[in-house]
Amino acid sequence: MPALVTRDEVKAFLGLGSADDARIEAMLDPVSDAVEAYANTSFSRMARTERLQGGVRALQVSHYPIDTGAAITITDLLTSEAAAAADYDVDAPSGMIYRLPWGSLWAGVHARSAFLEGADRVSQGGAAVRFKVDYTGGPATVPGDVKLACFEVIGSLINGSGGLSSWRDGGFAFTLAGGDDAAASMPKSARVYLDKYRARPV
């Protein structure tokens, strides 16, 4: 996964000079990882595969918007058959894939979600799933507020503020005197930008 911000973006935002280049470079990947972990969201567009329990009317993938210019394949794990494009409609911004009433997708699935019954489930990693979705999802470019969150985290690391410590075992660690709670350890100035992603339905 590429870093969410570049060295030059960080330098421009924080007003840093070339003397800080090595330190900034070392922060880009771990800070990007920490921001995505806090938001429980990937901010990179890439090919993905998800196995979903599904619902009567729709599937929701975890990473959106969906790239409708790339291939989308929905496979029924009970029959190993792929759904035809005429079977569903994609709402790209929300990551929702809606069943069309005249299509064959969710065949035999009725108003009370009959496929949730034991005989109609496929076990995957201990969870009951019905569909496999191959798609490309995530934002085409990193949202501006996510970049701002990264700048805030890097600024806190450089300045030693926000309850952050800079190094542990060769990498950056987010710590707080009261414990390692992720919500508390992420600087408040960064949480302002990230909480809307953290709270979204997936």
Protein backbone atom coordinates (compact mmCIF):
# COMPACT_ATOMS: atom_id res chain seq x y z
CA MET A 1 0.00 0.00 0.00
CA PRO A 2 1.43 3.41 -0.91
CA ALA A 3 1.78 6.01 1.81
CA LEU A 4 -1.20 8.35 2.15
CA VAL A 5 0.96 11.47 1.94
CA THR A 6 4.30 12.31 0.36
CA ARG A 7 7.41 13.76 1.93
CA ASP A 8 7.02 16.99 -0.03
CA GLU A 9 3.38 17.36 1.07
CA VAL A 10 4.39 16.96 4.71
CA LYS A 11 7.23 19.45 4.38
CA ALA A 12 4.99 22.02 2.72
CA PHE A 13 2.23 21.68 5.31
CA LEU A 14 4.48 21.68 8.37
CA GLY A 15 7.01 24.17 7.04
CA LEU A 16 9.94 21.77 7.33
CA GLY A 17 13.24 21.83 5.46
CA SER A 18 15.48 19.28 3.77
CA ALA A 19 17.19 18.48 7.06
CA ASP A 20 14.01 16.63 8.07
CA ASP A 21 13.77 14.50 4.90
CA ALA A 22 15.02 11.22 6.41
CA ARG A 23 12.85 11.54 9.49
CA ILE A 24 9.74 12.28 7.42
CA GLU A 25 10.42 9.39 5.04
CA ALA A 26 10.66 7.03 8.01
CA MET A 27 7.26 8.18 9.26
CA LEU A 28 5.20 7.96 6.05
CA ASP A 29 4.36 4.25 6.01
CA PRO A 30 3.81 3.66 9.75
CA VAL A 31 1.70 6.80 10.08
CA SER A 32 -0.37 5.78 7.04
CA ASP A 33 -0.88 2.34 8.56
CA ALA A 34 -1.90 3.84 11.90
CA VAL A 35 -4.39 6.22 10.29
CA GLU A 36 -6.02 3.41 8.31
CA ALA A 37 -6.11 1.16 11.37
CA TYR A 38 -7.79 3.87 13.43
CA ALA A 39 -10.33 4.63 10.69
CA ASN A 40 -10.83 0.91 10.00
CA THR A 41 -10.73 1.88 6.34
CA SER A 42 -8.33 1.54 3.44
CA PHE A 43 -7.87 4.79 1.55
CA SER A 44 -6.21 3.18 -1.48
CA ARG A 45 -8.03 1.98 -4.60
CA MET A 46 -7.09 -1.61 -5.30
CA ALA A 47 -8.49 -4.97 -6.39
CA ARG A 48 -10.20 -6.76 -3.52
CA THR A 49 -12.03 -9.98 -2.72
CA GLU A 50 -14.67 -10.23 0.00
CA ARG A 51 -16.86 -13.08 1.16
CA LEU A 52 -20.19 -11.81 2.40
CA GLN A 53 -23.22 -13.20 4.14
CA GLY A 54 -25.38 -10.90 2.07
CA GLY A 55 -28.96 -9.87 2.53
CA VAL A 56 -32.29 -10.15 0.86
CA ARG A 57 -31.91 -7.04 -1.26
CA ALA A 58 -28.27 -6.05 -1.21
CA LEU A 59 -24.62 -6.76 -0.50
CA GLN A 60 -22.34 -4.10 0.95
CA VAL A 61 -18.63 -4.24 0.35
CA SER A 62 -16.22 -2.75 2.86
CA HIS A 63 -14.18 -0.53 0.58
CA TYR A 64 -15.90 2.13 -1.46
CA PRO A 65 -16.52 3.86 -3.74
CA ILE A 66 -16.61 0.87 -6.07
CA ASP A 67 -14.75 1.37 -9.34
CA THR A 68 -17.45 0.60 -11.89
CA GLY A 69 -14.90 0.85 -14.69
CA ALA A 70 -13.23 -2.32 -13.41
CA ALA A 71 -14.62 -5.84 -13.40
CA ILE A 72 -17.11 -6.82 -10.70
CA THR A 73 -17.73 -10.53 -10.19
CA ILE A 74 -20.30 -11.88 -7.74
CA THR A 75 -20.13 -15.62 -7.19
CA ASP A 76 -22.77 -17.65 -5.39
CA LEU A 77 -20.72 -19.95 -3.18
CA LEU A 78 -23.54 -22.50 -3.03
CA THR A 79 -23.64 -23.02 -6.77
CA SER A 80 -20.24 -21.61 -7.84
CA GLU A 81 -22.12 -19.61 -10.45
CA ALA A 82 -21.30 -15.98 -11.24
CA ALA A 83 -24.15 -13.51 -11.38
CA ALA A 84 -24.86 -11.79 -14.67
CA ALA A 85 -24.55 -8.01 -14.82
CA ALA A 86 -28.31 -7.87 -15.42
CA ASP A 87 -28.87 -9.38 -11.98
CA TYR A 88 -27.68 -6.41 -9.93
CA ASP A 89 -27.22 -2.66 -9.79
CA VAL A 90 -24.17 -0.99 -8.21
CA ASP A 91 -24.34 2.18 -6.13
CA ALA A 92 -20.65 2.99 -6.36
CA PRO A 93 -20.38 5.78 -3.73
CA SER A 94 -22.00 3.71 -0.95
CA GLY A 95 -20.51 0.33 -1.85
CA MET A 96 -23.98 -1.20 -2.14
CA ILE A 97 -24.79 -3.88 -4.71
CA TYR A 98 -28.55 -4.20 -5.09
CA ARG A 99 -30.44 -7.24 -6.26
CA LEU A 100 -32.65 -6.58 -9.26
CA PRO A 101 -36.05 -8.28 -8.93
CA TRP A 102 -35.97 -9.77 -12.42
CA GLY A 103 -32.46 -11.22 -12.11
CA SER A 104 -31.35 -14.63 -10.92
CA LEU A 105 -29.04 -13.31 -8.17
CA TRP A 106 -30.15 -14.53 -4.73
CA ALA A 107 -32.23 -17.22 -6.40
CA GLY A 108 -34.38 -18.88 -3.79
CA VAL A 109 -33.84 -16.11 -1.26
CA HIS A 110 -37.18 -14.95 0.03
CA ALA A 111 -38.41 -12.15 2.23
CA ARG A 112 -37.23 -13.82 5.44
CA SER A 113 -33.68 -14.53 4.21
CA ALA A 114 -34.04 -18.27 3.81
CA PHE A 115 -30.38 -18.56 2.82
CA LEU A 116 -29.40 -17.77 6.39
CA GLU A 117 -30.61 -21.20 7.46
CA GLY A 118 -27.94 -23.79 8.11
CA ALA A 119 -28.57 -25.82 4.97
CA ASP A 120 -28.02 -22.77 2.78
CA ARG A 121 -24.76 -21.46 4.23
CA VAL A 122 -21.14 -21.90 3.29
CA SER A 123 -18.63 -21.69 6.10
CA GLN A 124 -15.60 -19.46 5.57
CA GLY A 125 -13.21 -18.93 8.44
CA GLY A 126 -15.89 -19.78 10.97
CA ALA A 127 -18.40 -17.31 9.50
CA ALA A 128 -21.44 -18.14 7.40
CA VAL A 129 -21.20 -16.57 3.95
CA ARG A 130 -23.12 -16.89 0.72
CA PHE A 131 -21.35 -14.71 -1.85
CA LYS A 132 -17.83 -13.91 -3.01
CA VAL A 133 -17.37 -10.46 -4.51
CA ASP A 134 -14.32 -9.55 -6.58
CA TYR A 135 -14.12 -5.83 -7.25
CA THR A 136 -11.92 -2.76 -7.21
CA GLY A 137 -12.73 -0.33 -4.44
CA GLY A 138 -11.51 2.60 -2.41
CA PRO A 139 -11.02 6.25 -3.27
CA ALA A 140 -9.18 7.06 -6.49
CA THR A 141 -7.24 9.72 -4.60
CA VAL A 142 -6.61 10.08 -0.87
CA PRO A 143 -9.30 12.36 0.63
CA GLY A 144 -8.03 15.76 1.73
CA ASP A 145 -9.17 15.31 5.31
CA VAL A 146 -7.23 12.04 5.55
CA LYS A 147 -4.10 13.82 4.38
CA LEU A 148 -4.70 16.48 7.05
CA ALA A 149 -4.95 13.73 9.68
CA CYS A 150 -1.60 12.34 8.55
CA PHE A 151 -0.03 15.80 8.77
CA GLU A 152 -1.38 16.19 12.30
CA VAL A 153 0.03 12.82 13.40
CA ILE A 154 3.44 13.49 11.87
CA GLY A 155 3.49 16.96 13.40
CA SER A 156 2.69 15.46 16.81
CA LEU A 157 5.49 12.94 16.45
CA ILE A 158 8.00 15.60 15.46
CA ASN A 159 6.94 17.96 18.23
CA GLY A 160 6.57 15.25 20.87
CA SER A 161 3.00 16.34 21.60
CA GLY A 162 -0.36 14.65 21.66
CA GLY A 163 0.69 11.75 23.89
CA LEU A 164 2.76 10.13 21.13
CA SER A 165 6.16 8.52 21.38
CA SER A 166 8.34 8.50 18.32
CA TRP A 167 10.15 5.16 18.24
CA ARG A 168 9.67 1.66 19.49
CA ASP A 169 11.35 -1.43 18.03
CA GLY A 170 12.37 0.49 14.95
CA GLY A 171 8.86 1.78 14.21
CA PHE A 172 6.47 4.44 15.34
CA ALA A 173 4.19 3.64 18.25
CA PHE A 174 1.10 5.47 19.42
CA THR A 175 1.00 5.48 23.19
CA LEU A 176 -0.71 7.38 25.95
CA ALA A 177 0.12 7.50 29.62
CA GLY A 178 -3.21 5.89 30.44
CA GLY A 179 -2.77 2.94 28.09
CA ASP A 180 -2.67 1.87 24.47
CA ASP A 181 -6.28 2.61 23.54
CA ALA A 182 -6.25 3.55 19.84
CA ALA A 183 -8.96 6.18 20.14
CA ALA A 184 -7.17 7.94 22.97
CA SER A 185 -3.72 7.60 21.43
CA MET A 186 -4.59 9.17 18.08
CA PRO A 187 -4.14 12.95 18.39
CA LYS A 188 -7.44 14.77 18.81
CA SER A 189 -6.56 17.03 15.91
CA ALA A 190 -6.39 13.94 13.68
CA ARG A 191 -9.51 12.32 15.12
CA VAL A 192 -11.54 15.32 14.00
CA TYR A 193 -10.85 14.29 10.41
CA LEU A 194 -11.03 10.51 10.83
CA ASP A 195 -14.02 9.83 13.06
CA LYS A 196 -16.53 10.08 10.22
CA TYR A 197 -14.78 7.16 8.50
CA ARG A 198 -14.48 5.19 11.73
CA ALA A 199 -18.22 5.45 12.35
CA ARG A 200 -19.43 4.62 8.87
CA PRO A 201 -21.31 1.34 8.24
CA VAL A 202 -19.36 -1.47 6.61
